[in-house]
């Protein structure tokens, strides 16, 4: 996984605002584990995870990012290897170039990713890492094609939906909300991406009214 300094001032401020909003929500219910999910690939979910992790870590908070998309193999040992019993936890937690930010990559592609995420080993891992870090952020697979993201979301304190303005329809967003509801996920809000600058307010009002969270 690649974590970089945010060089754009407006983007940096936007993610600082997202971090502040999550911290505010944490006063009501402590948010130590966070799933980030989208309906389709290419909506900016992984970029959202990376940027949120960077601005949070740079504020002095100890962050762990876990790539829970087991259907995409990584070059390094990772989550799938640990759950399958082929790697120790200390082998898969890797440092990034950003202070206070570590990560676990997806690992080798297994034949049964859904079963691994549904396992007690994965549930126990979440409990262990939440005690080691101030916040653990999960990058999940797009929920439009597989159920894996909902499985992860059902086990975390909160879930952020990433929705691209030019890719996600209202029907798809409603289906996403229903799937997460069935998983009893705690939906915290929607991060809108790829919005034309002159249409921001229009998208903001329409999506907030529709998602009703």
N, C-alpha and C. Protein backbone atom coordinates (compact mmCIF):
# COMPACT_ATOMS: atom_id res chain seq x y z
N UNK A 1 0.85 -1.20 0.00
CA UNK A 1 0.00 0.00 0.00
C UNK A 1 0.88 1.24 0.00
N UNK A 2 0.40 2.28 -0.66
CA UNK A 2 1.22 3.47 -0.86
C UNK A 2 0.58 4.67 -0.15
N UNK A 3 1.30 5.22 0.81
CA UNK A 3 0.80 6.38 1.55
C UNK A 3 1.72 7.56 1.28
N UNK A 4 1.15 8.67 0.85
CA UNK A 4 1.94 9.84 0.49
C UNK A 4 1.41 11.09 1.17
N UNK A 5 2.31 12.06 1.34
CA UNK A 5 1.91 13.37 1.84
C UNK A 5 0.91 13.98 0.86
N UNK A 6 -0.09 14.67 1.39
CA UNK A 6 -1.07 15.34 0.54
C UNK A 6 -0.52 16.71 0.17
N UNK A 7 -0.28 16.91 -1.11
CA UNK A 7 0.36 18.16 -1.55
C UNK A 7 -0.65 19.25 -1.88
N UNK A 8 -1.88 18.90 -2.13
CA UNK A 8 -2.92 19.89 -2.45
C UNK A 8 -3.53 20.43 -1.16
N UNK A 9 -3.43 21.74 -0.96
CA UNK A 9 -3.96 22.35 0.26
C UNK A 9 -5.47 22.14 0.42
N UNK A 10 -6.27 22.35 -0.63
CA UNK A 10 -7.72 22.13 -0.46
C UNK A 10 -8.07 20.68 -0.10
N UNK A 11 -7.39 19.71 -0.73
CA UNK A 11 -7.64 18.31 -0.42
C UNK A 11 -7.22 17.99 1.00
N UNK A 12 -6.08 18.54 1.40
CA UNK A 12 -5.60 18.32 2.76
C UNK A 12 -6.61 18.85 3.78
N UNK A 13 -7.13 20.04 3.53
CA UNK A 13 -8.12 20.62 4.45
C UNK A 13 -9.42 19.83 4.46
N UNK A 14 -9.80 19.30 3.31
CA UNK A 14 -11.02 18.50 3.24
C UNK A 14 -10.90 17.25 4.10
N UNK A 15 -9.76 16.60 4.04
CA UNK A 15 -9.57 15.38 4.84
C UNK A 15 -9.38 15.70 6.32
N UNK A 16 -8.81 16.84 6.61
CA UNK A 16 -8.75 17.26 8.02
C UNK A 16 -10.17 17.47 8.56
N UNK A 17 -11.03 18.02 7.72
CA UNK A 17 -12.42 18.20 8.12
C UNK A 17 -13.11 16.87 8.36
N UNK A 18 -12.84 15.90 7.50
CA UNK A 18 -13.41 14.56 7.68
C UNK A 18 -12.91 13.94 8.98
N UNK A 19 -11.61 14.10 9.23
CA UNK A 19 -11.05 13.57 10.48
C UNK A 19 -11.71 14.22 11.70
N UNK A 20 -11.91 15.51 11.64
CA UNK A 20 -12.54 16.22 12.76
C UNK A 20 -13.97 15.74 12.98
N UNK A 21 -14.71 15.54 11.89
CA UNK A 21 -16.08 15.05 12.01
C UNK A 21 -16.13 13.67 12.65
N UNK A 22 -15.19 12.81 12.28
CA UNK A 22 -15.14 11.47 12.87
C UNK A 22 -14.79 11.54 14.35
N UNK A 23 -13.89 12.45 14.70
CA UNK A 23 -13.55 12.63 16.10
C UNK A 23 -14.75 13.12 16.89
N UNK A 24 -15.55 14.01 16.29
CA UNK A 24 -16.76 14.49 16.96
C UNK A 24 -17.74 13.34 17.18
N UNK A 25 -17.93 12.51 16.17
CA UNK A 25 -18.80 11.35 16.32
C UNK A 25 -18.28 10.40 17.40
N UNK A 26 -16.95 10.36 17.54
CA UNK A 26 -16.34 9.49 18.54
C UNK A 26 -16.65 9.88 19.97
N UNK A 27 -17.06 11.14 20.18
CA UNK A 27 -17.45 11.55 21.53
C UNK A 27 -18.76 10.88 21.93
N UNK A 28 -19.59 10.57 20.94
CA UNK A 28 -20.86 9.91 21.23
C UNK A 28 -20.65 8.41 21.41
N UNK A 29 -19.99 7.80 20.46
CA UNK A 29 -19.62 6.40 20.54
C UNK A 29 -18.19 6.27 20.04
N UNK A 30 -17.33 5.71 20.84
CA UNK A 30 -15.92 5.63 20.50
C UNK A 30 -15.73 4.88 19.18
N UNK A 31 -15.13 5.54 18.21
CA UNK A 31 -14.87 4.94 16.91
C UNK A 31 -13.39 4.54 16.86
N UNK A 32 -13.11 3.27 17.09
CA UNK A 32 -11.74 2.78 17.03
C UNK A 32 -11.49 1.92 15.80
N UNK A 33 -12.56 1.38 15.21
CA UNK A 33 -12.43 0.60 13.98
C UNK A 33 -13.40 1.17 12.96
N UNK A 34 -12.91 1.39 11.75
CA UNK A 34 -13.69 2.09 10.73
C UNK A 34 -13.58 1.36 9.40
N UNK A 35 -14.72 1.00 8.81
CA UNK A 35 -14.76 0.44 7.46
C UNK A 35 -15.03 1.56 6.47
N UNK A 36 -14.34 1.51 5.34
CA UNK A 36 -14.60 2.44 4.25
C UNK A 36 -15.03 1.61 3.05
N UNK A 37 -16.21 1.93 2.51
CA UNK A 37 -16.84 1.04 1.52
C UNK A 37 -17.44 1.86 0.39
N UNK A 38 -17.51 1.25 -0.79
CA UNK A 38 -18.18 1.86 -1.94
C UNK A 38 -19.02 0.79 -2.63
N UNK A 39 -19.86 1.23 -3.57
CA UNK A 39 -20.67 0.26 -4.31
C UNK A 39 -19.90 -0.26 -5.52
N UNK A 40 -19.22 0.63 -6.22
CA UNK A 40 -18.48 0.28 -7.43
C UNK A 40 -16.98 0.49 -7.24
N UNK A 41 -16.14 -0.26 -7.97
CA UNK A 41 -14.71 0.07 -8.01
C UNK A 41 -14.51 1.44 -8.66
N UNK A 42 -13.41 2.10 -8.34
CA UNK A 42 -13.06 3.33 -9.01
C UNK A 42 -13.78 4.57 -8.50
N UNK A 43 -14.39 4.48 -7.30
CA UNK A 43 -15.09 5.65 -6.75
C UNK A 43 -14.21 6.47 -5.81
N UNK A 44 -12.97 6.05 -5.60
CA UNK A 44 -12.06 6.81 -4.75
C UNK A 44 -11.98 6.28 -3.33
N UNK A 45 -12.41 5.05 -3.11
CA UNK A 45 -12.41 4.49 -1.76
C UNK A 45 -11.01 4.34 -1.19
N UNK A 46 -10.11 3.73 -1.97
CA UNK A 46 -8.75 3.51 -1.47
C UNK A 46 -8.01 4.83 -1.27
N UNK A 47 -8.23 5.79 -2.15
CA UNK A 47 -7.63 7.12 -1.97
C UNK A 47 -8.16 7.78 -0.71
N UNK A 48 -9.46 7.59 -0.44
CA UNK A 48 -10.05 8.15 0.77
C UNK A 48 -9.41 7.53 2.01
N UNK A 49 -9.24 6.21 1.99
CA UNK A 49 -8.59 5.52 3.11
C UNK A 49 -7.19 6.06 3.32
N UNK A 50 -6.43 6.16 2.25
CA UNK A 50 -5.04 6.60 2.34
C UNK A 50 -4.93 8.03 2.86
N UNK A 51 -5.70 8.93 2.29
CA UNK A 51 -5.62 10.34 2.69
C UNK A 51 -6.11 10.56 4.12
N UNK A 52 -7.19 9.88 4.49
CA UNK A 52 -7.69 10.00 5.86
C UNK A 52 -6.67 9.45 6.85
N UNK A 53 -6.05 8.34 6.49
CA UNK A 53 -5.03 7.75 7.37
C UNK A 53 -3.84 8.69 7.54
N UNK A 54 -3.41 9.33 6.46
CA UNK A 54 -2.25 10.21 6.52
C UNK A 54 -2.53 11.43 7.40
N UNK A 55 -3.66 12.11 7.17
CA UNK A 55 -3.93 13.32 7.97
C UNK A 55 -4.18 12.96 9.44
N UNK A 56 -4.72 11.79 9.69
CA UNK A 56 -4.96 11.37 11.08
C UNK A 56 -3.64 11.05 11.77
N UNK A 57 -2.77 10.31 11.08
CA UNK A 57 -1.47 9.97 11.65
C UNK A 57 -0.62 11.22 11.89
N UNK A 58 -0.69 12.19 10.99
CA UNK A 58 0.11 13.41 11.14
C UNK A 58 -0.38 14.29 12.28
N UNK A 59 -1.57 14.00 12.78
CA UNK A 59 -2.06 14.75 13.95
C UNK A 59 -1.61 14.09 15.27
N UNK A 60 -0.80 13.03 15.16
CA UNK A 60 -0.27 12.37 16.35
C UNK A 60 -1.05 11.14 16.79
N UNK A 61 -2.03 10.73 16.00
CA UNK A 61 -2.85 9.56 16.32
C UNK A 61 -2.23 8.32 15.69
N UNK A 62 -2.17 7.24 16.44
CA UNK A 62 -1.57 6.00 15.96
C UNK A 62 -2.59 5.24 15.11
N UNK A 63 -2.26 5.06 13.81
CA UNK A 63 -3.20 4.53 12.84
C UNK A 63 -2.70 3.22 12.24
N UNK A 64 -3.63 2.28 12.06
CA UNK A 64 -3.36 1.06 11.31
C UNK A 64 -4.37 0.97 10.18
N UNK A 65 -3.90 0.76 8.96
CA UNK A 65 -4.78 0.53 7.80
C UNK A 65 -4.70 -0.93 7.43
N UNK A 66 -5.85 -1.57 7.24
CA UNK A 66 -5.90 -2.97 6.83
C UNK A 66 -6.60 -3.07 5.48
N UNK A 67 -5.89 -3.63 4.50
CA UNK A 67 -6.48 -3.88 3.20
C UNK A 67 -7.24 -5.20 3.28
N UNK A 68 -8.57 -5.11 3.37
CA UNK A 68 -9.40 -6.30 3.53
C UNK A 68 -9.98 -6.81 2.22
N UNK A 69 -9.43 -6.33 1.10
CA UNK A 69 -9.87 -6.84 -0.20
C UNK A 69 -9.02 -8.06 -0.54
N UNK A 70 -9.44 -9.21 -0.04
CA UNK A 70 -8.66 -10.43 -0.20
C UNK A 70 -8.70 -10.98 -1.62
N UNK A 71 -9.55 -10.41 -2.46
CA UNK A 71 -9.64 -10.88 -3.84
C UNK A 71 -8.56 -10.26 -4.72
N UNK A 72 -7.81 -9.31 -4.16
CA UNK A 72 -6.69 -8.70 -4.87
C UNK A 72 -5.41 -9.00 -4.10
N UNK A 73 -4.56 -9.81 -4.69
CA UNK A 73 -3.33 -10.23 -4.00
C UNK A 73 -2.34 -9.08 -3.91
N UNK A 74 -1.53 -9.11 -2.84
CA UNK A 74 -0.43 -8.15 -2.68
C UNK A 74 0.90 -8.90 -2.79
N UNK A 75 1.95 -8.13 -2.97
CA UNK A 75 3.28 -8.75 -3.09
C UNK A 75 3.78 -9.24 -1.74
N UNK A 76 3.26 -8.68 -0.67
CA UNK A 76 3.73 -9.00 0.67
C UNK A 76 2.77 -9.95 1.37
N UNK A 77 3.28 -10.65 2.37
CA UNK A 77 2.39 -11.42 3.23
C UNK A 77 1.41 -10.45 3.89
N UNK A 78 0.19 -10.91 4.08
CA UNK A 78 -0.79 -10.01 4.64
C UNK A 78 -1.92 -10.69 5.36
N UNK A 79 -3.09 -10.07 5.27
CA UNK A 79 -4.24 -10.50 6.05
C UNK A 79 -4.64 -11.94 5.76
N UNK A 80 -4.71 -12.31 4.50
CA UNK A 80 -5.12 -13.68 4.16
C UNK A 80 -4.14 -14.71 4.71
N UNK A 81 -2.85 -14.39 4.67
CA UNK A 81 -1.84 -15.33 5.19
C UNK A 81 -1.98 -15.51 6.69
N UNK A 82 -2.29 -14.41 7.38
CA UNK A 82 -2.47 -14.50 8.83
C UNK A 82 -3.70 -15.31 9.20
N UNK A 83 -4.83 -15.01 8.57
CA UNK A 83 -6.07 -15.72 8.90
C UNK A 83 -5.94 -17.21 8.59
N UNK A 84 -5.20 -17.53 7.51
CA UNK A 84 -5.02 -18.93 7.11
C UNK A 84 -3.99 -19.67 7.95
N UNK A 85 -3.28 -18.93 8.82
CA UNK A 85 -2.30 -19.56 9.70
C UNK A 85 -0.91 -19.66 9.12
N UNK A 86 -0.63 -18.90 8.06
CA UNK A 86 0.67 -18.99 7.40
C UNK A 86 1.58 -17.79 7.70
N UNK A 87 1.17 -16.94 8.61
CA UNK A 87 2.00 -15.78 8.99
C UNK A 87 1.60 -15.32 10.38
N UNK A 88 2.59 -14.82 11.12
CA UNK A 88 2.32 -14.25 12.44
C UNK A 88 1.93 -12.79 12.29
N UNK A 89 1.25 -12.25 13.29
CA UNK A 89 0.79 -10.86 13.21
C UNK A 89 1.96 -9.90 13.05
N UNK A 90 3.06 -10.18 13.75
CA UNK A 90 4.21 -9.28 13.67
C UNK A 90 4.84 -9.26 12.27
N UNK A 91 4.59 -10.32 11.49
CA UNK A 91 5.12 -10.38 10.13
C UNK A 91 4.34 -9.52 9.15
N UNK A 92 3.07 -9.30 9.44
CA UNK A 92 2.22 -8.64 8.44
C UNK A 92 1.95 -7.17 8.73
N UNK A 93 2.23 -6.71 9.96
CA UNK A 93 2.09 -5.28 10.26
C UNK A 93 3.36 -4.56 9.80
N UNK A 94 3.22 -3.70 8.82
CA UNK A 94 4.37 -3.05 8.21
C UNK A 94 4.33 -1.54 8.43
N UNK A 95 5.50 -0.92 8.58
CA UNK A 95 5.53 0.54 8.74
C UNK A 95 5.38 1.23 7.39
N UNK A 96 4.81 2.41 7.41
CA UNK A 96 4.76 3.22 6.19
C UNK A 96 5.82 4.32 6.30
N UNK A 97 5.87 5.18 5.30
CA UNK A 97 6.81 6.30 5.32
C UNK A 97 6.28 7.45 6.18
N UNK A 98 5.04 7.33 6.63
CA UNK A 98 4.42 8.37 7.45
C UNK A 98 4.50 7.96 8.92
N UNK A 99 4.98 8.86 9.77
CA UNK A 99 5.04 8.56 11.21
C UNK A 99 3.65 8.23 11.74
N UNK A 100 3.58 7.27 12.66
CA UNK A 100 2.34 6.85 13.33
C UNK A 100 1.40 6.06 12.43
N UNK A 101 1.83 5.70 11.23
CA UNK A 101 0.96 4.99 10.29
C UNK A 101 1.57 3.66 9.87
N UNK A 102 0.89 2.57 10.23
CA UNK A 102 1.28 1.22 9.82
C UNK A 102 0.16 0.61 8.99
N UNK A 103 0.46 -0.51 8.33
CA UNK A 103 -0.57 -1.12 7.50
C UNK A 103 -0.41 -2.64 7.41
N UNK A 104 -1.50 -3.29 7.09
CA UNK A 104 -1.51 -4.72 6.76
C UNK A 104 -2.08 -4.84 5.37
N UNK A 105 -1.32 -5.45 4.46
CA UNK A 105 -1.82 -5.61 3.09
C UNK A 105 -2.71 -6.85 2.99
N UNK A 106 -3.30 -7.06 1.82
CA UNK A 106 -4.27 -8.15 1.67
C UNK A 106 -3.64 -9.53 1.72
N UNK A 107 -2.41 -9.66 1.22
CA UNK A 107 -1.74 -10.96 1.22
C UNK A 107 -2.05 -11.77 -0.03
N UNK A 108 -1.74 -13.07 0.03
CA UNK A 108 -1.98 -13.95 -1.11
C UNK A 108 -3.48 -14.10 -1.36
N UNK A 109 -3.85 -14.25 -2.61
CA UNK A 109 -5.28 -14.39 -2.92
C UNK A 109 -5.75 -15.80 -2.54
N UNK A 110 -6.70 -15.91 -1.61
CA UNK A 110 -7.17 -17.22 -1.17
C UNK A 110 -8.35 -17.70 -2.03
N UNK A 111 -8.66 -19.00 -1.99
CA UNK A 111 -9.82 -19.49 -2.73
C UNK A 111 -11.15 -19.17 -2.04
N UNK A 112 -11.09 -18.77 -0.77
CA UNK A 112 -12.30 -18.57 0.04
C UNK A 112 -12.28 -17.27 0.82
N UNK A 113 -12.20 -16.11 0.16
CA UNK A 113 -12.06 -14.85 0.89
C UNK A 113 -13.23 -14.55 1.82
N UNK A 114 -14.45 -14.84 1.39
CA UNK A 114 -15.61 -14.56 2.24
C UNK A 114 -15.56 -15.35 3.54
N UNK A 115 -15.18 -16.62 3.43
CA UNK A 115 -15.08 -17.47 4.62
C UNK A 115 -14.01 -16.97 5.57
N UNK A 116 -12.90 -16.48 5.04
CA UNK A 116 -11.82 -15.98 5.90
C UNK A 116 -12.28 -14.75 6.68
N UNK A 117 -13.00 -13.86 6.02
CA UNK A 117 -13.48 -12.65 6.70
C UNK A 117 -14.61 -12.96 7.69
N UNK A 118 -15.25 -14.07 7.51
CA UNK A 118 -16.31 -14.51 8.43
C UNK A 118 -15.77 -15.34 9.59
N UNK A 119 -14.47 -15.53 9.64
CA UNK A 119 -13.87 -16.45 10.61
C UNK A 119 -13.65 -15.79 11.98
N UNK A 120 -13.53 -16.63 12.99
CA UNK A 120 -13.24 -16.14 14.34
C UNK A 120 -11.84 -15.53 14.40
N UNK A 121 -10.93 -16.06 13.59
CA UNK A 121 -9.56 -15.52 13.57
C UNK A 121 -9.58 -14.05 13.16
N UNK A 122 -10.39 -13.72 12.17
CA UNK A 122 -10.48 -12.32 11.74
C UNK A 122 -11.12 -11.46 12.83
N UNK A 123 -12.18 -11.97 13.42
CA UNK A 123 -12.84 -11.22 14.50
C UNK A 123 -11.89 -10.98 15.67
N UNK A 124 -11.11 -12.00 16.01
CA UNK A 124 -10.14 -11.85 17.10
C UNK A 124 -9.04 -10.86 16.74
N UNK A 125 -8.66 -10.84 15.46
CA UNK A 125 -7.65 -9.89 14.99
C UNK A 125 -8.13 -8.46 15.20
N UNK A 126 -9.38 -8.20 14.86
CA UNK A 126 -9.93 -6.85 15.04
C UNK A 126 -9.84 -6.44 16.51
N UNK A 127 -10.19 -7.34 17.41
CA UNK A 127 -10.14 -7.04 18.84
C UNK A 127 -8.71 -6.75 19.29
N UNK A 128 -7.76 -7.49 18.73
CA UNK A 128 -6.37 -7.30 19.15
C UNK A 128 -5.80 -5.98 18.65
N UNK A 129 -6.01 -5.66 17.38
CA UNK A 129 -5.39 -4.45 16.85
C UNK A 129 -6.08 -3.18 17.36
N UNK A 130 -7.36 -3.26 17.72
CA UNK A 130 -8.02 -2.06 18.26
C UNK A 130 -7.44 -1.66 19.60
N UNK A 131 -6.82 -2.62 20.31
CA UNK A 131 -6.16 -2.30 21.57
C UNK A 131 -4.76 -1.73 21.36
N UNK A 132 -4.18 -1.97 20.19
CA UNK A 132 -2.81 -1.51 19.92
C UNK A 132 -2.77 -0.12 19.28
N UNK A 133 -3.85 0.23 18.60
CA UNK A 133 -3.86 1.47 17.82
C UNK A 133 -5.01 2.37 18.26
N UNK A 134 -4.85 3.66 17.96
CA UNK A 134 -5.92 4.61 18.28
C UNK A 134 -7.11 4.44 17.34
N UNK A 135 -6.80 4.13 16.08
CA UNK A 135 -7.86 3.85 15.11
C UNK A 135 -7.35 2.87 14.07
N UNK A 136 -8.23 1.95 13.66
CA UNK A 136 -7.92 0.97 12.62
C UNK A 136 -8.90 1.20 11.47
N UNK A 137 -8.37 1.44 10.27
CA UNK A 137 -9.19 1.74 9.10
C UNK A 137 -9.11 0.57 8.11
N UNK A 138 -10.27 0.06 7.73
CA UNK A 138 -10.34 -1.08 6.80
C UNK A 138 -10.73 -0.60 5.41
N UNK A 139 -9.90 -0.94 4.43
CA UNK A 139 -10.22 -0.71 3.03
C UNK A 139 -10.90 -1.99 2.53
N UNK A 140 -12.17 -1.90 2.15
CA UNK A 140 -12.95 -3.09 1.83
C UNK A 140 -13.24 -3.20 0.34
N UNK A 141 -13.62 -4.39 -0.14
CA UNK A 141 -14.00 -4.53 -1.55
C UNK A 141 -15.30 -3.79 -1.84
N UNK A 142 -15.49 -3.40 -3.09
CA UNK A 142 -16.74 -2.76 -3.50
C UNK A 142 -17.90 -3.72 -3.25
N UNK A 143 -18.96 -3.19 -2.68
CA UNK A 143 -20.07 -4.04 -2.24
C UNK A 143 -21.03 -4.38 -3.37
N UNK A 144 -20.89 -3.75 -4.53
CA UNK A 144 -21.80 -4.05 -5.63
C UNK A 144 -21.62 -5.42 -6.23
N UNK A 145 -20.45 -6.02 -6.02
CA UNK A 145 -20.18 -7.32 -6.64
C UNK A 145 -20.00 -8.46 -5.65
N UNK A 146 -19.51 -8.17 -4.44
CA UNK A 146 -19.30 -9.21 -3.43
C UNK A 146 -19.76 -8.70 -2.07
N UNK A 147 -20.05 -9.63 -1.16
CA UNK A 147 -20.60 -9.29 0.15
C UNK A 147 -19.52 -9.03 1.18
N UNK A 148 -18.25 -9.20 0.82
CA UNK A 148 -17.15 -9.12 1.77
C UNK A 148 -17.14 -7.82 2.57
N UNK A 149 -17.41 -6.70 1.89
CA UNK A 149 -17.37 -5.41 2.57
C UNK A 149 -18.38 -5.31 3.69
N UNK A 150 -19.56 -5.88 3.49
CA UNK A 150 -20.60 -5.86 4.53
C UNK A 150 -20.19 -6.70 5.72
N UNK A 151 -19.47 -7.79 5.47
CA UNK A 151 -18.99 -8.65 6.56
C UNK A 151 -18.02 -7.87 7.44
N UNK A 152 -17.12 -7.13 6.81
CA UNK A 152 -16.16 -6.32 7.57
C UNK A 152 -16.90 -5.21 8.31
N UNK A 153 -17.81 -4.54 7.61
CA UNK A 153 -18.54 -3.42 8.22
C UNK A 153 -19.35 -3.86 9.43
N UNK A 154 -19.84 -5.08 9.42
CA UNK A 154 -20.64 -5.57 10.54
C UNK A 154 -19.83 -5.73 11.82
N UNK A 155 -18.49 -5.72 11.69
CA UNK A 155 -17.63 -5.96 12.83
C UNK A 155 -16.86 -4.73 13.28
N UNK A 156 -17.12 -3.59 12.64
CA UNK A 156 -16.40 -2.36 13.00
C UNK A 156 -17.33 -1.37 13.67
N UNK A 157 -16.73 -0.40 14.35
CA UNK A 157 -17.53 0.58 15.10
C UNK A 157 -18.31 1.52 14.18
N UNK A 158 -17.79 1.76 13.00
CA UNK A 158 -18.45 2.67 12.08
C UNK A 158 -18.08 2.38 10.65
N UNK A 159 -18.92 2.88 9.73
CA UNK A 159 -18.69 2.67 8.29
C UNK A 159 -18.88 3.98 7.55
N UNK A 160 -17.92 4.30 6.69
CA UNK A 160 -18.03 5.45 5.78
C UNK A 160 -18.32 4.93 4.38
N UNK A 161 -19.30 5.53 3.74
CA UNK A 161 -19.60 5.22 2.35
C UNK A 161 -18.89 6.23 1.45
N UNK A 162 -18.18 5.74 0.45
CA UNK A 162 -17.56 6.62 -0.55
C UNK A 162 -18.40 6.52 -1.83
N UNK A 163 -18.88 7.65 -2.30
CA UNK A 163 -19.76 7.68 -3.47
C UNK A 163 -19.23 8.69 -4.49
N UNK A 164 -18.94 8.21 -5.69
CA UNK A 164 -18.50 9.10 -6.76
C UNK A 164 -19.71 9.73 -7.45
N UNK A 165 -19.68 11.03 -7.57
CA UNK A 165 -20.83 11.75 -8.12
C UNK A 165 -21.16 11.33 -9.54
N UNK A 166 -20.14 10.95 -10.31
CA UNK A 166 -20.38 10.65 -11.72
C UNK A 166 -20.46 9.15 -12.01
N UNK A 167 -20.46 8.33 -10.94
CA UNK A 167 -20.47 6.88 -11.15
C UNK A 167 -21.58 6.17 -10.40
N UNK A 168 -22.04 6.74 -9.30
CA UNK A 168 -23.00 6.05 -8.44
C UNK A 168 -24.39 6.64 -8.59
N UNK A 169 -25.35 5.80 -8.96
CA UNK A 169 -26.73 6.24 -9.07
C UNK A 169 -27.42 6.17 -7.72
N UNK A 170 -28.56 6.83 -7.60
CA UNK A 170 -29.29 6.82 -6.34
C UNK A 170 -29.80 5.42 -6.00
N UNK A 171 -30.20 4.65 -7.02
CA UNK A 171 -30.67 3.29 -6.78
C UNK A 171 -29.56 2.43 -6.20
N UNK A 172 -28.35 2.60 -6.72
CA UNK A 172 -27.22 1.83 -6.21
C UNK A 172 -26.88 2.23 -4.78
N UNK A 173 -26.94 3.53 -4.51
CA UNK A 173 -26.66 3.99 -3.15
C UNK A 173 -27.71 3.47 -2.17
N UNK A 174 -28.95 3.41 -2.62
CA UNK A 174 -30.00 2.86 -1.77
C UNK A 174 -29.77 1.37 -1.52
N UNK A 175 -29.36 0.63 -2.55
CA UNK A 175 -29.05 -0.79 -2.38
C UNK A 175 -27.89 -0.98 -1.41
N UNK A 176 -26.90 -0.10 -1.52
CA UNK A 176 -25.75 -0.16 -0.61
C UNK A 176 -26.20 0.06 0.82
N UNK A 177 -27.04 1.05 1.02
CA UNK A 177 -27.55 1.34 2.36
C UNK A 177 -28.33 0.15 2.92
N UNK A 178 -29.15 -0.50 2.07
CA UNK A 178 -29.94 -1.66 2.51
C UNK A 178 -29.03 -2.82 2.89
N UNK A 179 -28.00 -3.08 2.07
CA UNK A 179 -27.08 -4.18 2.37
C UNK A 179 -26.34 -3.93 3.69
N UNK A 180 -25.92 -2.71 3.90
CA UNK A 180 -25.23 -2.39 5.16
C UNK A 180 -26.19 -2.45 6.33
N UNK A 181 -27.43 -2.09 6.10
CA UNK A 181 -28.43 -2.20 7.16
C UNK A 181 -28.66 -3.64 7.57
N UNK A 182 -28.71 -4.55 6.60
CA UNK A 182 -28.87 -5.97 6.90
C UNK A 182 -27.69 -6.49 7.72
N UNK A 183 -26.51 -5.92 7.47
CA UNK A 183 -25.31 -6.33 8.21
C UNK A 183 -25.20 -5.63 9.57
N UNK A 184 -26.19 -4.75 9.86
CA UNK A 184 -26.19 -3.98 11.10
C UNK A 184 -24.94 -3.10 11.22
N UNK A 185 -24.49 -2.59 10.08
CA UNK A 185 -23.35 -1.68 10.08
C UNK A 185 -23.79 -0.31 10.58
N UNK A 186 -22.91 0.36 11.29
CA UNK A 186 -23.16 1.69 11.81
C UNK A 186 -22.68 2.71 10.78
N UNK A 187 -23.60 3.19 9.92
CA UNK A 187 -23.24 4.12 8.85
C UNK A 187 -23.03 5.51 9.45
N UNK A 188 -21.83 6.03 9.29
CA UNK A 188 -21.49 7.34 9.86
C UNK A 188 -21.78 8.47 8.89
N UNK A 189 -21.67 8.20 7.61
CA UNK A 189 -21.89 9.26 6.64
C UNK A 189 -21.38 8.88 5.27
N UNK A 190 -21.46 9.83 4.35
CA UNK A 190 -21.06 9.62 2.95
C UNK A 190 -19.95 10.61 2.58
N UNK A 191 -18.89 10.10 1.99
CA UNK A 191 -17.82 10.93 1.45
C UNK A 191 -18.03 11.01 -0.06
N UNK A 192 -18.37 12.21 -0.54
CA UNK A 192 -18.58 12.40 -1.97
C UNK A 192 -17.25 12.67 -2.67
N UNK A 193 -17.04 12.01 -3.81
CA UNK A 193 -15.81 12.20 -4.58
C UNK A 193 -16.17 12.56 -6.02
N UNK A 194 -15.18 13.09 -6.72
CA UNK A 194 -15.29 13.37 -8.16
C UNK A 194 -16.45 14.31 -8.47
N UNK A 195 -16.67 15.30 -7.62
CA UNK A 195 -17.75 16.27 -7.83
C UNK A 195 -17.21 17.47 -8.62
N UNK A 196 -17.86 17.83 -9.71
CA UNK A 196 -17.47 19.07 -10.40
C UNK A 196 -17.58 20.26 -9.45
N UNK A 197 -16.61 21.14 -9.48
CA UNK A 197 -16.57 22.24 -8.52
C UNK A 197 -17.84 23.08 -8.51
N UNK A 198 -18.42 23.28 -9.68
CA UNK A 198 -19.59 24.15 -9.75
C UNK A 198 -20.89 23.43 -9.40
N UNK A 199 -20.80 22.13 -9.06
CA UNK A 199 -22.01 21.36 -8.75
C UNK A 199 -21.99 20.80 -7.33
N UNK A 200 -21.06 21.24 -6.51
CA UNK A 200 -20.90 20.67 -5.17
C UNK A 200 -22.19 20.75 -4.35
N UNK A 201 -22.79 21.93 -4.28
CA UNK A 201 -23.96 22.11 -3.42
C UNK A 201 -25.13 21.26 -3.89
N UNK A 202 -25.30 21.10 -5.18
CA UNK A 202 -26.39 20.28 -5.71
C UNK A 202 -26.23 18.82 -5.26
N UNK A 203 -25.02 18.28 -5.41
CA UNK A 203 -24.79 16.89 -5.01
C UNK A 203 -24.93 16.72 -3.51
N UNK A 204 -24.42 17.69 -2.77
CA UNK A 204 -24.49 17.60 -1.31
C UNK A 204 -25.94 17.47 -0.86
N UNK A 205 -26.80 18.34 -1.31
CA UNK A 205 -28.19 18.33 -0.88
C UNK A 205 -28.91 17.06 -1.29
N UNK A 206 -28.71 16.62 -2.52
CA UNK A 206 -29.45 15.46 -3.03
C UNK A 206 -29.04 14.18 -2.32
N UNK A 207 -27.73 13.97 -2.14
CA UNK A 207 -27.29 12.73 -1.52
C UNK A 207 -27.61 12.69 -0.03
N UNK A 208 -27.45 13.81 0.65
CA UNK A 208 -27.75 13.82 2.07
C UNK A 208 -29.24 13.56 2.31
N UNK A 209 -30.10 14.15 1.49
CA UNK A 209 -31.54 13.91 1.62
C UNK A 209 -31.87 12.45 1.38
N UNK A 210 -31.22 11.82 0.40
CA UNK A 210 -31.54 10.45 0.03
C UNK A 210 -31.05 9.42 1.04
N UNK A 211 -29.81 9.62 1.53
CA UNK A 211 -29.25 8.60 2.40
C UNK A 211 -29.88 8.63 3.77
N UNK A 212 -30.28 9.82 4.24
CA UNK A 212 -31.06 9.95 5.47
C UNK A 212 -30.40 9.25 6.65
N UNK A 213 -29.18 9.67 7.01
CA UNK A 213 -28.49 9.05 8.16
C UNK A 213 -28.16 10.11 9.19
